[in-house]
Amino acid sequence: MGEGRGEGIPNTELNGHKSQRLANTTNITFHGIESEALLILLDQEGVCASSGSACLADSDEPSHVVKAMKPDSAASRQMIRFSLGLENTPAEVKAALNAIERAANMLYG
């Protein structure tokens, strides 16, 4: 996420293939941040996201998809999945990116 926008968020990593993926779904590791803490801050900002994959969205355990992407258990608990729908606007995407950056920077201290 640190590429392309100038400011970006340090210690982040795109999970999965860069182009062979669903166009509306992105999974990102925020190294050093527990996903649940980030999800709480994002929820307060009105951003809906999920930890892990859609396979086991209601489970506390990493799914087989997450384990395949990040076998290290610590990294699997630092991942957030973002999905867009047809109704999302460019302004909403920009607001979400700004909220993600604020929340991550708050947790990185």
PDB file of N, CA and C in Angstrom:
ATOM      1  N   MET A   1       0.818  -1.194   0.000  1.00  0.00           N
ATOM      2  CA  MET A   1       0.000   0.000   0.000  1.00  0.00           C
ATOM      3  C   MET A   1       0.853   1.246   0.000  1.00  0.00           C
ATOM      4  N   GLY A   2       2.101   1.096   0.284  1.00  0.00           N
ATOM      5  CA  GLY A   2       2.982   2.243   0.324  1.00  0.00           C
ATOM      6  C   GLY A   2       3.396   2.730  -1.045  1.00  0.00           C
ATOM      7  N   GLU A   3       2.982   2.048  -2.103  1.00  0.00           N
ATOM      8  CA  GLU A   3       3.403   2.426  -3.444  1.00  0.00           C
ATOM      9  C   GLU A   3       2.335   3.261  -4.132  1.00  0.00           C
ATOM     10  N   GLY A   4       2.760   4.235  -4.928  1.00  0.00           N
ATOM     11  CA  GLY A   4       1.870   4.922  -5.827  1.00  0.00           C
ATOM     12  C   GLY A   4       1.191   6.171  -5.293  1.00  0.00           C
ATOM     13  N   ARG A   5       0.950   6.291  -3.997  1.00  0.00           N
ATOM     14  CA  ARG A   5       0.222   7.447  -3.480  1.00  0.00           C
ATOM     15  C   ARG A   5       1.140   8.482  -2.851  1.00  0.00           C
ATOM     16  N   GLY A   6       2.386   8.166  -2.702  1.00  0.00           N
ATOM     17  CA  GLY A   6       3.286   9.130  -2.083  1.00  0.00           C
ATOM     18  C   GLY A   6       3.428   8.900  -0.603  1.00  0.00           C
ATOM     19  N   GLU A   7       2.326   9.033   0.162  1.00  0.00           N
ATOM     20  CA  GLU A   7       2.425   8.857   1.605  1.00  0.00           C
ATOM     21  C   GLU A   7       2.403   7.380   1.983  1.00  0.00           C
ATOM     22  N   GLY A   8       1.340   6.694   1.715  1.00  0.00           N
ATOM     23  CA  GLY A   8       1.274   5.253   1.945  1.00  0.00           C
ATOM     24  C   GLY A   8       1.342   4.846   3.405  1.00  0.00           C
ATOM     25  N   ILE A   9       1.287   3.557   3.609  1.00  0.00           N
ATOM     26  CA  ILE A   9       1.339   2.981   4.949  1.00  0.00           C
ATOM     27  C   ILE A   9       2.531   2.044   5.004  1.00  0.00           C
ATOM     28  N   PRO A  10       3.463   2.293   5.916  1.00  0.00           N
ATOM     29  CA  PRO A  10       4.638   1.418   6.007  1.00  0.00           C
ATOM     30  C   PRO A  10       4.258   0.041   6.543  1.00  0.00           C
ATOM     31  N   ASN A  11       5.127  -0.921   6.317  1.00  0.00           N
ATOM     32  CA  ASN A  11       4.971  -2.277   6.875  1.00  0.00           C
ATOM     33  C   ASN A  11       3.703  -2.980   6.418  1.00  0.00           C
ATOM     34  N   THR A  12       3.263  -2.704   5.185  1.00  0.00           N
ATOM     35  CA  THR A  12       2.111  -3.402   4.629  1.00  0.00           C
ATOM     36  C   THR A  12       2.562  -4.251   3.460  1.00  0.00           C
ATOM     37  N   GLU A  13       1.792  -5.299   3.203  1.00  0.00           N
ATOM     38  CA  GLU A  13       2.136  -6.213   2.114  1.00  0.00           C
ATOM     39  C   GLU A  13       0.863  -6.752   1.483  1.00  0.00           C
ATOM     40  N   LEU A  14       0.785  -6.674   0.165  1.00  0.00           N
ATOM     41  CA  LEU A  14      -0.325  -7.248  -0.580  1.00  0.00           C
ATOM     42  C   LEU A  14      -0.198  -8.763  -0.548  1.00  0.00           C
ATOM     43  N   ASN A  15      -1.272  -9.450  -0.208  1.00  0.00           N
ATOM     44  CA  ASN A  15      -1.274 -10.912  -0.178  1.00  0.00           C
ATOM     45  C   ASN A  15      -1.916 -11.441  -1.448  1.00  0.00           C
ATOM     46  N   GLY A  16      -1.356 -12.502  -1.974  1.00  0.00           N
ATOM     47  CA  GLY A  16      -1.880 -13.089  -3.193  1.00  0.00           C
ATOM     48  C   GLY A  16      -1.201 -12.504  -4.412  1.00  0.00           C
ATOM     49  N   HIS A  17      -1.643 -12.942  -5.561  1.00  0.00           N
ATOM     50  CA  HIS A  17      -1.066 -12.515  -6.831  1.00  0.00           C
ATOM     51  C   HIS A  17      -1.491 -11.084  -7.144  1.00  0.00           C
ATOM     52  N   LYS A  18      -0.592 -10.302  -7.768  1.00  0.00           N
ATOM     53  CA  LYS A  18      -0.893  -8.892  -8.038  1.00  0.00           C
ATOM     54  C   LYS A  18      -1.994  -8.694  -9.074  1.00  0.00           C
ATOM     55  N   SER A  19      -2.085  -9.586 -10.064  1.00  0.00           N
ATOM     56  CA  SER A  19      -3.089  -9.372 -11.107  1.00  0.00           C
ATOM     57  C   SER A  19      -4.088 -10.521 -11.241  1.00  0.00           C
ATOM     58  N   GLN A  20      -3.716 -11.726 -10.899  1.00  0.00           N
ATOM     59  CA  GLN A  20      -4.627 -12.866 -11.016  1.00  0.00           C
ATOM     60  C   GLN A  20      -5.430 -12.999  -9.721  1.00  0.00           C
ATOM     61  N   ARG A  21      -6.432 -12.145  -9.602  1.00  0.00           N
ATOM     62  CA  ARG A  21      -7.220 -12.042  -8.377  1.00  0.00           C
ATOM     63  C   ARG A  21      -8.578 -11.465  -8.719  1.00  0.00           C
ATOM     64  N   LEU A  22      -9.494 -11.530  -7.775  1.00  0.00           N
ATOM     65  CA  LEU A  22     -10.771 -10.850  -7.945  1.00  0.00           C
ATOM     66  C   LEU A  22     -10.512  -9.346  -7.966  1.00  0.00           C
ATOM     67  N   ALA A  23     -11.110  -8.673  -8.894  1.00  0.00           N
ATOM     68  CA  ALA A  23     -10.863  -7.234  -9.061  1.00  0.00           C
ATOM     69  C   ALA A  23     -11.364  -6.415  -7.872  1.00  0.00           C
ATOM     70  N   ASN A  24     -12.349  -6.924  -7.148  1.00  0.00           N
ATOM     71  CA  ASN A  24     -12.955  -6.133  -6.077  1.00  0.00           C
ATOM     72  C   ASN A  24     -12.469  -6.509  -4.679  1.00  0.00           C
ATOM     73  N   THR A  25     -11.517  -7.436  -4.582  1.00  0.00           N
ATOM     74  CA  THR A  25     -11.110  -7.938  -3.267  1.00  0.00           C
ATOM     75  C   THR A  25      -9.602  -7.830  -3.099  1.00  0.00           C
ATOM     76  N   THR A  26      -9.183  -7.313  -1.958  1.00  0.00           N
ATOM     77  CA  THR A  26      -7.762  -7.183  -1.651  1.00  0.00           C
ATOM     78  C   THR A  26      -7.527  -7.644  -0.220  1.00  0.00           C
ATOM     79  N   ASN A  27      -6.466  -8.397  -0.025  1.00  0.00           N
ATOM     80  CA  ASN A  27      -6.075  -8.862   1.300  1.00  0.00           C
ATOM     81  C   ASN A  27      -4.686  -8.302   1.579  1.00  0.00           C
ATOM     82  N   ILE A  28      -4.539  -7.598   2.685  1.00  0.00           N
ATOM     83  CA  ILE A  28      -3.290  -6.897   3.005  1.00  0.00           C
ATOM     84  C   ILE A  28      -2.829  -7.292   4.394  1.00  0.00           C
ATOM     85  N   THR A  29      -1.529  -7.556   4.534  1.00  0.00           N
ATOM     86  CA  THR A  29      -0.928  -7.770   5.849  1.00  0.00           C
ATOM     87  C   THR A  29      -0.420  -6.432   6.366  1.00  0.00           C
ATOM     88  N   PHE A  30      -0.783  -6.111   7.588  1.00  0.00           N
ATOM     89  CA  PHE A  30      -0.286  -4.936   8.292  1.00  0.00           C
ATOM     90  C   PHE A  30       0.677  -5.473   9.349  1.00  0.00           C
ATOM     91  N   HIS A  31       1.945  -5.614   8.966  1.00  0.00           N
ATOM     92  CA  HIS A  31       2.943  -6.210   9.861  1.00  0.00           C
ATOM     93  C   HIS A  31       3.033  -5.426  11.166  1.00  0.00           C
ATOM     94  N   GLY A  32       2.890  -6.142  12.281  1.00  0.00           N
ATOM     95  CA  GLY A  32       2.993  -5.521  13.597  1.00  0.00           C
ATOM     96  C   GLY A  32       1.679  -5.024  14.165  1.00  0.00           C
ATOM     97  N   ILE A  33       0.583  -5.171  13.419  1.00  0.00           N
ATOM     98  CA  ILE A  33      -0.732  -4.726  13.903  1.00  0.00           C
ATOM     99  C   ILE A  33      -1.663  -5.932  13.934  1.00  0.00           C
ATOM    100  N   GLU A  34      -2.281  -6.160  15.080  1.00  0.00           N
ATOM    101  CA  GLU A  34      -3.293  -7.210  15.165  1.00  0.00           C
ATOM    102  C   GLU A  34      -4.519  -6.768  14.368  1.00  0.00           C
ATOM    103  N   SER A  35      -5.010  -7.638  13.511  1.00  0.00           N
ATOM    104  CA  SER A  35      -6.120  -7.283  12.637  1.00  0.00           C
ATOM    105  C   SER A  35      -7.355  -6.837  13.416  1.00  0.00           C
ATOM    106  N   GLU A  36      -7.615  -7.457  14.557  1.00  0.00           N
ATOM    107  CA  GLU A  36      -8.810  -7.088  15.324  1.00  0.00           C
ATOM    108  C   GLU A  36      -8.744  -5.643  15.812  1.00  0.00           C
ATOM    109  N   ALA A  37      -7.577  -5.177  16.210  1.00  0.00           N
ATOM    110  CA  ALA A  37      -7.429  -3.786  16.653  1.00  0.00           C
ATOM    111  C   ALA A  37      -7.689  -2.827  15.484  1.00  0.00           C
ATOM    112  N   LEU A  38      -7.148  -3.161  14.325  1.00  0.00           N
ATOM    113  CA  LEU A  38      -7.354  -2.324  13.148  1.00  0.00           C
ATOM    114  C   LEU A  38      -8.824  -2.339  12.740  1.00  0.00           C
ATOM    115  N   LEU A  39      -9.466  -3.497  12.791  1.00  0.00           N
ATOM    116  CA  LEU A  39     -10.883  -3.591  12.428  1.00  0.00           C
ATOM    117  C   LEU A  39     -11.764  -2.739  13.337  1.00  0.00           C
ATOM    118  N   ILE A  40     -11.436  -2.669  14.612  1.00  0.00           N
ATOM    119  CA  ILE A  40     -12.212  -1.841  15.547  1.00  0.00           C
ATOM    120  C   ILE A  40     -12.113  -0.367  15.152  1.00  0.00           C
ATOM    121  N   LEU A  41     -10.896   0.095  14.867  1.00  0.00           N
ATOM    122  CA  LEU A  41     -10.721   1.499  14.469  1.00  0.00           C
ATOM    123  C   LEU A  41     -11.402   1.780  13.131  1.00  0.00           C
ATOM    124  N   LEU A  42     -11.317   0.843  12.210  1.00  0.00           N
ATOM    125  CA  LEU A  42     -11.958   1.038  10.907  1.00  0.00           C
ATOM    126  C   LEU A  42     -13.476   1.083  11.058  1.00  0.00           C
ATOM    127  N   ASP A  43     -14.029   0.239  11.912  1.00  0.00           N
ATOM    128  CA  ASP A  43     -15.468   0.246  12.158  1.00  0.00           C
ATOM    129  C   ASP A  43     -15.910   1.606  12.697  1.00  0.00           C
ATOM    130  N   GLN A  44     -15.113   2.187  13.587  1.00  0.00           N
ATOM    131  CA  GLN A  44     -15.430   3.512  14.133  1.00  0.00           C
ATOM    132  C   GLN A  44     -15.410   4.582  13.051  1.00  0.00           C
ATOM    133  N   GLU A  45     -14.652   4.335  11.982  1.00  0.00           N
ATOM    134  CA  GLU A  45     -14.568   5.278  10.850  1.00  0.00           C
ATOM    135  C   GLU A  45     -15.613   4.969   9.781  1.00  0.00           C
ATOM    136  N   GLY A  46     -16.417   3.914  10.005  1.00  0.00           N
ATOM    137  CA  GLY A  46     -17.436   3.554   9.026  1.00  0.00           C
ATOM    138  C   GLY A  46     -16.931   2.681   7.889  1.00  0.00           C
ATOM    139  N   VAL A  47     -15.767   2.073   8.067  1.00  0.00           N
ATOM    140  CA  VAL A  47     -15.193   1.203   7.039  1.00  0.00           C
ATOM    141  C   VAL A  47     -15.416  -0.245   7.460  1.00  0.00           C
ATOM    142  N   CYS A  48     -16.102  -0.994   6.618  1.00  0.00           N
ATOM    143  CA  CYS A  48     -16.344  -2.412   6.883  1.00  0.00           C
ATOM    144  C   CYS A  48     -15.253  -3.226   6.197  1.00  0.00           C
ATOM    145  N   ALA A  49     -14.641  -4.112   6.938  1.00  0.00           N
ATOM    146  CA  ALA A  49     -13.596  -4.994   6.421  1.00  0.00           C
ATOM    147  C   ALA A  49     -13.647  -6.263   7.256  1.00  0.00           C
ATOM    148  N   SER A  50     -12.778  -7.216   6.937  1.00  0.00           N
ATOM    149  CA  SER A  50     -12.778  -8.479   7.652  1.00  0.00           C
ATOM    150  C   SER A  50     -11.360  -8.979   7.810  1.00  0.00           C
ATOM    151  N   SER A  51     -11.134  -9.748   8.859  1.00  0.00           N
ATOM    152  CA  SER A  51      -9.842 -10.417   8.985  1.00  0.00           C
ATOM    153  C   SER A  51      -9.965 -11.768   8.308  1.00  0.00           C
ATOM    154  N   GLY A  52      -8.905 -12.219   7.711  1.00  0.00           N
ATOM    155  CA  GLY A  52      -8.908 -13.528   7.072  1.00  0.00           C
ATOM    156  C   GLY A  52      -9.573 -13.542   5.722  1.00  0.00           C
ATOM    157  N   SER A  53     -10.136 -14.687   5.371  1.00  0.00           N
ATOM    158  CA  SER A  53     -10.778 -14.855   4.077  1.00  0.00           C
ATOM    159  C   SER A  53     -12.270 -15.058   4.272  1.00  0.00           C
ATOM    160  N   ALA A  54     -12.998 -15.018   3.181  1.00  0.00           N
ATOM    161  CA  ALA A  54     -14.446 -15.194   3.252  1.00  0.00           C
ATOM    162  C   ALA A  54     -14.833 -16.623   3.615  1.00  0.00           C
ATOM    163  N   CYS A  55     -13.922 -17.563   3.432  1.00  0.00           N
ATOM    164  CA  CYS A  55     -14.224 -18.977   3.700  1.00  0.00           C
ATOM    165  C   CYS A  55     -14.677 -19.205   5.134  1.00  0.00           C
ATOM    166  N   LEU A  56     -14.000 -18.561   6.082  1.00  0.00           N
ATOM    167  CA  LEU A  56     -14.320 -18.733   7.498  1.00  0.00           C
ATOM    168  C   LEU A  56     -14.479 -17.370   8.163  1.00  0.00           C
ATOM    169  N   ALA A  57     -15.306 -16.531   7.590  1.00  0.00           N
ATOM    170  CA  ALA A  57     -15.437 -15.159   8.080  1.00  0.00           C
ATOM    171  C   ALA A  57     -15.920 -15.083   9.523  1.00  0.00           C
ATOM    172  N   ASP A  58     -16.665 -16.100   9.982  1.00  0.00           N
ATOM    173  CA  ASP A  58     -17.187 -16.068  11.347  1.00  0.00           C
ATOM    174  C   ASP A  58     -16.316 -16.816  12.344  1.00  0.00           C
ATOM    175  N   SER A  59     -15.139 -17.283  11.921  1.00  0.00           N
ATOM    176  CA  SER A  59     -14.277 -18.077  12.783  1.00  0.00           C
ATOM    177  C   SER A  59     -13.090 -17.246  13.256  1.00  0.00           C
ATOM    178  N   ASP A  60     -12.594 -17.574  14.445  1.00  0.00           N
ATOM    179  CA  ASP A  60     -11.398 -16.909  14.959  1.00  0.00           C
ATOM    180  C   ASP A  60     -10.122 -17.518  14.388  1.00  0.00           C
ATOM    181  N   GLU A  61     -10.228 -18.711  13.804  1.00  0.00           N
ATOM    182  CA  GLU A  61      -9.057 -19.404  13.271  1.00  0.00           C
ATOM    183  C   GLU A  61      -8.804 -18.999  11.828  1.00  0.00           C
ATOM    184  N   PRO A  62      -7.524 -18.901  11.438  1.00  0.00           N
ATOM    185  CA  PRO A  62      -7.213 -18.598  10.041  1.00  0.00           C
ATOM    186  C   PRO A  62      -7.728 -19.707   9.124  1.00  0.00           C
ATOM    187  N   SER A  63      -8.280 -19.337   7.975  1.00  0.00           N
ATOM    188  CA  SER A  63      -8.783 -20.315   7.020  1.00  0.00           C
ATOM    189  C   SER A  63      -7.622 -20.972   6.274  1.00  0.00           C
ATOM    190  N   HIS A  64      -7.939 -22.027   5.509  1.00  0.00           N
ATOM    191  CA  HIS A  64      -6.910 -22.672   4.695  1.00  0.00           C
ATOM    192  C   HIS A  64      -6.359 -21.712   3.650  1.00  0.00           C
ATOM    193  N   VAL A  65      -7.173 -20.762   3.196  1.00  0.00           N
ATOM    194  CA  VAL A  65      -6.715 -19.767   2.224  1.00  0.00           C
ATOM    195  C   VAL A  65      -5.658 -18.863   2.855  1.00  0.00           C
ATOM    196  N   VAL A  66      -5.950 -18.378   4.056  1.00  0.00           N
ATOM    197  CA  VAL A  66      -5.014 -17.510   4.769  1.00  0.00           C
ATOM    198  C   VAL A  66      -3.731 -18.265   5.098  1.00  0.00           C
ATOM    199  N   LYS A  67      -3.858 -19.503   5.562  1.00  0.00           N
ATOM    200  CA  LYS A  67      -2.674 -20.302   5.893  1.00  0.00           C
ATOM    201  C   LYS A  67      -1.815 -20.549   4.662  1.00  0.00           C
ATOM    202  N   ALA A  68      -2.450 -20.689   3.504  1.00  0.00           N
ATOM    203  CA  ALA A  68      -1.689 -20.892   2.270  1.00  0.00           C
ATOM    204  C   ALA A  68      -0.936 -19.622   1.878  1.00  0.00           C
ATOM    205  N   MET A  69      -1.557 -18.451   2.090  1.00  0.00           N
ATOM    206  CA  MET A  69      -0.908 -17.188   1.744  1.00  0.00           C
ATOM    207  C   MET A  69       0.180 -16.839   2.745  1.00  0.00           C
ATOM    208  N   LYS A  70      -0.093 -17.063   4.028  1.00  0.00           N
ATOM    209  CA  LYS A  70       0.821 -16.691   5.111  1.00  0.00           C
ATOM    210  C   LYS A  70       0.875 -17.822   6.141  1.00  0.00           C
ATOM    211  N   PRO A  71       1.748 -18.803   5.943  1.00  0.00           N
ATOM    212  CA  PRO A  71       1.808 -19.920   6.893  1.00  0.00           C
ATOM    213  C   PRO A  71       2.214 -19.504   8.305  1.00  0.00           C
ATOM    214  N   ASP A  72       2.944 -18.394   8.435  1.00  0.00           N
ATOM    215  CA  ASP A  72       3.334 -17.891   9.758  1.00  0.00           C
ATOM    216  C   ASP A  72       2.075 -17.435  10.495  1.00  0.00           C
ATOM    217  N   SER A  73       1.801 -18.030  11.644  1.00  0.00           N
ATOM    218  CA  SER A  73       0.559 -17.727  12.356  1.00  0.00           C
ATOM    219  C   SER A  73       0.467 -16.264  12.784  1.00  0.00           C
ATOM    220  N   ALA A  74       1.588 -15.630  13.100  1.00  0.00           N
ATOM    221  CA  ALA A  74       1.548 -14.212  13.489  1.00  0.00           C
ATOM    222  C   ALA A  74       1.067 -13.365  12.314  1.00  0.00           C
ATOM    223  N   ALA A  75       1.593 -13.620  11.126  1.00  0.00           N
ATOM    224  CA  ALA A  75       1.190 -12.847   9.947  1.00  0.00           C
ATOM    225  C   ALA A  75      -0.274 -13.081   9.615  1.00  0.00           C
ATOM    226  N   SER A  76      -0.767 -14.301   9.834  1.00  0.00           N
ATOM    227  CA  SER A  76      -2.165 -14.588   9.510  1.00  0.00           C
ATOM    228  C   SER A  76      -3.121 -13.813  10.413  1.00  0.00           C
ATOM    229  N   ARG A  77      -2.651 -13.331  11.548  1.00  0.00           N
ATOM    230  CA  ARG A  77      -3.489 -12.536  12.451  1.00  0.00           C
ATOM    231  C   ARG A  77      -3.270 -11.032  12.262  1.00  0.00           C
ATOM    232  N   GLN A  78      -2.574 -10.688  11.184  1.00  0.00           N
ATOM    233  CA  GLN A  78      -2.314  -9.283  10.875  1.00  0.00           C
ATOM    234  C   GLN A  78      -2.838  -8.924   9.489  1.00  0.00           C
ATOM    235  N   MET A  79      -3.779  -9.724   8.991  1.00  0.00           N
ATOM    236  CA  MET A  79      -4.320  -9.547   7.647  1.00  0.00           C
ATOM    237  C   MET A  79      -5.727  -8.963   7.698  1.00  0.00           C
ATOM    238  N   ILE A  80      -6.012  -8.100   6.727  1.00  0.00           N
ATOM    239  CA  ILE A  80      -7.345  -7.531   6.580  1.00  0.00           C
ATOM    240  C   ILE A  80      -7.783  -7.731   5.128  1.00  0.00           C
ATOM    241  N   ARG A  81      -9.050  -8.118   4.953  1.00  0.00           N
ATOM    242  CA  ARG A  81      -9.614  -8.292   3.615  1.00  0.00           C
ATOM    243  C   ARG A  81     -10.592  -7.153   3.352  1.00  0.00           C
ATOM    244  N   PHE A  82     -10.388  -6.487   2.225  1.00  0.00           N
ATOM    245  CA  PHE A  82     -11.251  -5.393   1.789  1.00  0.00           C
ATOM    246  C   PHE A  82     -11.952  -5.825   0.511  1.00  0.00           C
ATOM    247  N   SER A  83     -13.256  -5.579   0.439  1.00  0.00           N
ATOM    248  CA  SER A  83     -14.028  -5.913  -0.754  1.00  0.00           C
ATOM    249  C   SER A  83     -14.870  -4.715  -1.152  1.00  0.00           C
ATOM    250  N   LEU A  84     -14.978  -4.494  -2.448  1.00  0.00           N
ATOM    251  CA  LEU A  84     -15.794  -3.410  -2.986  1.00  0.00           C
ATOM    252  C   LEU A  84     -16.998  -3.998  -3.693  1.00  0.00           C
ATOM    253  N   GLY A  85     -18.085  -3.248  -3.713  1.00  0.00           N
ATOM    254  CA  GLY A  85     -19.276  -3.629  -4.454  1.00  0.00           C
ATOM    255  C   GLY A  85     -19.520  -2.651  -5.588  1.00  0.00           C
ATOM    256  N   LEU A  86     -20.451  -2.985  -6.454  1.00  0.00           N
ATOM    257  CA  LEU A  86     -20.769  -2.120  -7.594  1.00  0.00           C
ATOM    258  C   LEU A  86     -21.227  -0.733  -7.157  1.00  0.00           C
ATOM    259  N   GLU A  87     -21.824  -0.653  -5.973  1.00  0.00           N
ATOM    260  CA  GLU A  87     -22.365   0.622  -5.503  1.00  0.00           C
ATOM    261  C   GLU A  87     -21.314   1.545  -4.877  1.00  0.00           C
ATOM    262  N   ASN A  88     -20.108   1.044  -4.624  1.00  0.00           N
ATOM    263  CA  ASN A  88     -19.062   1.892  -4.041  1.00  0.00           C
ATOM    264  C   ASN A  88     -18.587   2.932  -5.049  1.00  0.00           C
ATOM    265  N   THR A  89     -18.431   4.158  -4.571  1.00  0.00           N
ATOM    266  CA  THR A  89     -18.012   5.266  -5.427  1.00  0.00           C
ATOM    267  C   THR A  89     -16.521   5.540  -5.238  1.00  0.00           C
ATOM    268  N   PRO A  90     -15.887   6.225  -6.199  1.00  0.00           N
ATOM    269  CA  PRO A  90     -14.485   6.616  -6.008  1.00  0.00           C
ATOM    270  C   PRO A  90     -14.281   7.452  -4.744  1.00  0.00           C
ATOM    271  N   ALA A  91     -15.231   8.292  -4.396  1.00  0.00           N
ATOM    272  CA  ALA A  91     -15.107   9.105  -3.177  1.00  0.00           C
ATOM    273  C   ALA A  91     -15.112   8.215  -1.934  1.00  0.00           C
ATOM    274  N   GLU A  92     -15.920   7.163  -1.931  1.00  0.00           N
ATOM    275  CA  GLU A  92     -15.943   6.235  -0.798  1.00  0.00           C
ATOM    276  C   GLU A  92     -14.631   5.469  -0.688  1.00  0.00           C
ATOM    277  N   VAL A  93     -14.085   5.093  -1.818  1.00  0.00           N
ATOM    278  CA  VAL A  93     -12.799   4.377  -1.815  1.00  0.00           C
ATOM    279  C   VAL A  93     -11.707   5.282  -1.255  1.00  0.00           C
ATOM    280  N   LYS A  94     -11.695   6.539  -1.687  1.00  0.00           N
ATOM    281  CA  LYS A  94     -10.692   7.491  -1.185  1.00  0.00           C
ATOM    282  C   LYS A  94     -10.871   7.717   0.320  1.00  0.00           C
ATOM    283  N   ALA A  95     -12.103   7.851   0.775  1.00  0.00           N
ATOM    284  CA  ALA A  95     -12.364   8.041   2.207  1.00  0.00           C
ATOM    285  C   ALA A  95     -11.916   6.810   2.996  1.00  0.00           C
ATOM    286  N   ALA A  96     -12.155   5.617   2.457  1.00  0.00           N
ATOM    287  CA  ALA A  96     -11.726   4.385   3.130  1.00  0.00           C
ATOM    288  C   ALA A  96     -10.205   4.315   3.203  1.00  0.00           C
ATOM    289  N   LEU A  97      -9.523   4.654   2.118  1.00  0.00           N
ATOM    290  CA  LEU A  97      -8.053   4.648   2.128  1.00  0.00           C
ATOM    291  C   LEU A  97      -7.510   5.614   3.170  1.00  0.00           C
ATOM    292  N   ASN A  98      -8.113   6.782   3.259  1.00  0.00           N
ATOM    293  CA  ASN A  98      -7.683   7.757   4.270  1.00  0.00           C
ATOM    294  C   ASN A  98      -7.925   7.229   5.681  1.00  0.00           C
ATOM    295  N   ALA A  99      -9.061   6.578   5.896  1.00  0.00           N
ATOM    296  CA  ALA A  99      -9.378   6.014   7.210  1.00  0.00           C
ATOM    297  C   ALA A  99      -8.406   4.886   7.564  1.00  0.00           C
ATOM    298  N   ILE A 100      -8.086   4.048   6.595  1.00  0.00           N
ATOM    299  CA  ILE A 100      -7.136   2.958   6.821  1.00  0.00           C
ATOM    300  C   ILE A 100      -5.774   3.516   7.198  1.00  0.00           C
ATOM    301  N   GLU A 101      -5.353   4.537   6.485  1.00  0.00           N
ATOM    302  CA  GLU A 101      -4.055   5.150   6.772  1.00  0.00           C
ATOM    303  C   GLU A 101      -4.032   5.764   8.177  1.00  0.00           C
ATOM    304  N   ARG A 102      -5.092   6.482   8.556  1.00  0.00           N
ATOM    305  CA  ARG A 102      -5.170   7.077   9.902  1.00  0.00           C
ATOM    306  C   ARG A 102      -5.127   5.998  10.977  1.00  0.00           C
ATOM    307  N   ALA A 103      -5.934   4.946  10.798  1.00  0.00           N
ATOM    308  CA  ALA A 103      -6.025   3.884  11.807  1.00  0.00           C
ATOM    309  C   ALA A 103      -4.694   3.142  11.938  1.00  0.00           C
ATOM    310  N   ALA A 104      -4.077   2.807  10.819  1.00  0.00           N
ATOM    311  CA  ALA A 104      -2.798   2.082  10.862  1.00  0.00           C
ATOM    312  C   ALA A 104      -1.723   2.948  11.518  1.00  0.00           C
ATOM    313  N   ASN A 105      -1.668   4.209  11.148  1.00  0.00           N
ATOM    314  CA  ASN A 105      -0.667   5.100  11.744  1.00  0.00           C
ATOM    315  C   ASN A 105      -0.880   5.262  13.240  1.00  0.00           C
ATOM    316  N   MET A 106      -2.144   5.267  13.687  1.00  0.00           N
ATOM    317  CA  MET A 106      -2.437   5.361  15.112  1.00  0.00           C
ATOM    318  C   MET A 106      -1.902   4.110  15.832  1.00  0.00           C
ATOM    319  N   LEU A 107      -2.103   2.949  15.228  1.00  0.00           N
ATOM    320  CA  LEU A 107      -1.655   1.706  15.859  1.00  0.00           C
ATOM    321  C   LEU A 107      -0.141   1.515  15.768  1.00  0.00           C
ATOM    322  N   TYR A 108       0.463   2.030  14.714  1.00  0.00           N
ATOM    323  CA  TYR A 108       1.925   1.944  14.609  1.00  0.00           C
ATOM    324  C   TYR A 108       2.580   2.899  15.587  1.00  0.00           C
ATOM    325  N   GLY A 109       1.811   3.923  16.007  1.00  0.00           N
ATOM    326  CA  GLY A 109       2.316   4.863  17.017  1.00  0.00           C
ATOM    327  C   GLY A 109       3.283   5.793  16.435  1.00  0.00           C
TER     328      GLY A 109
END
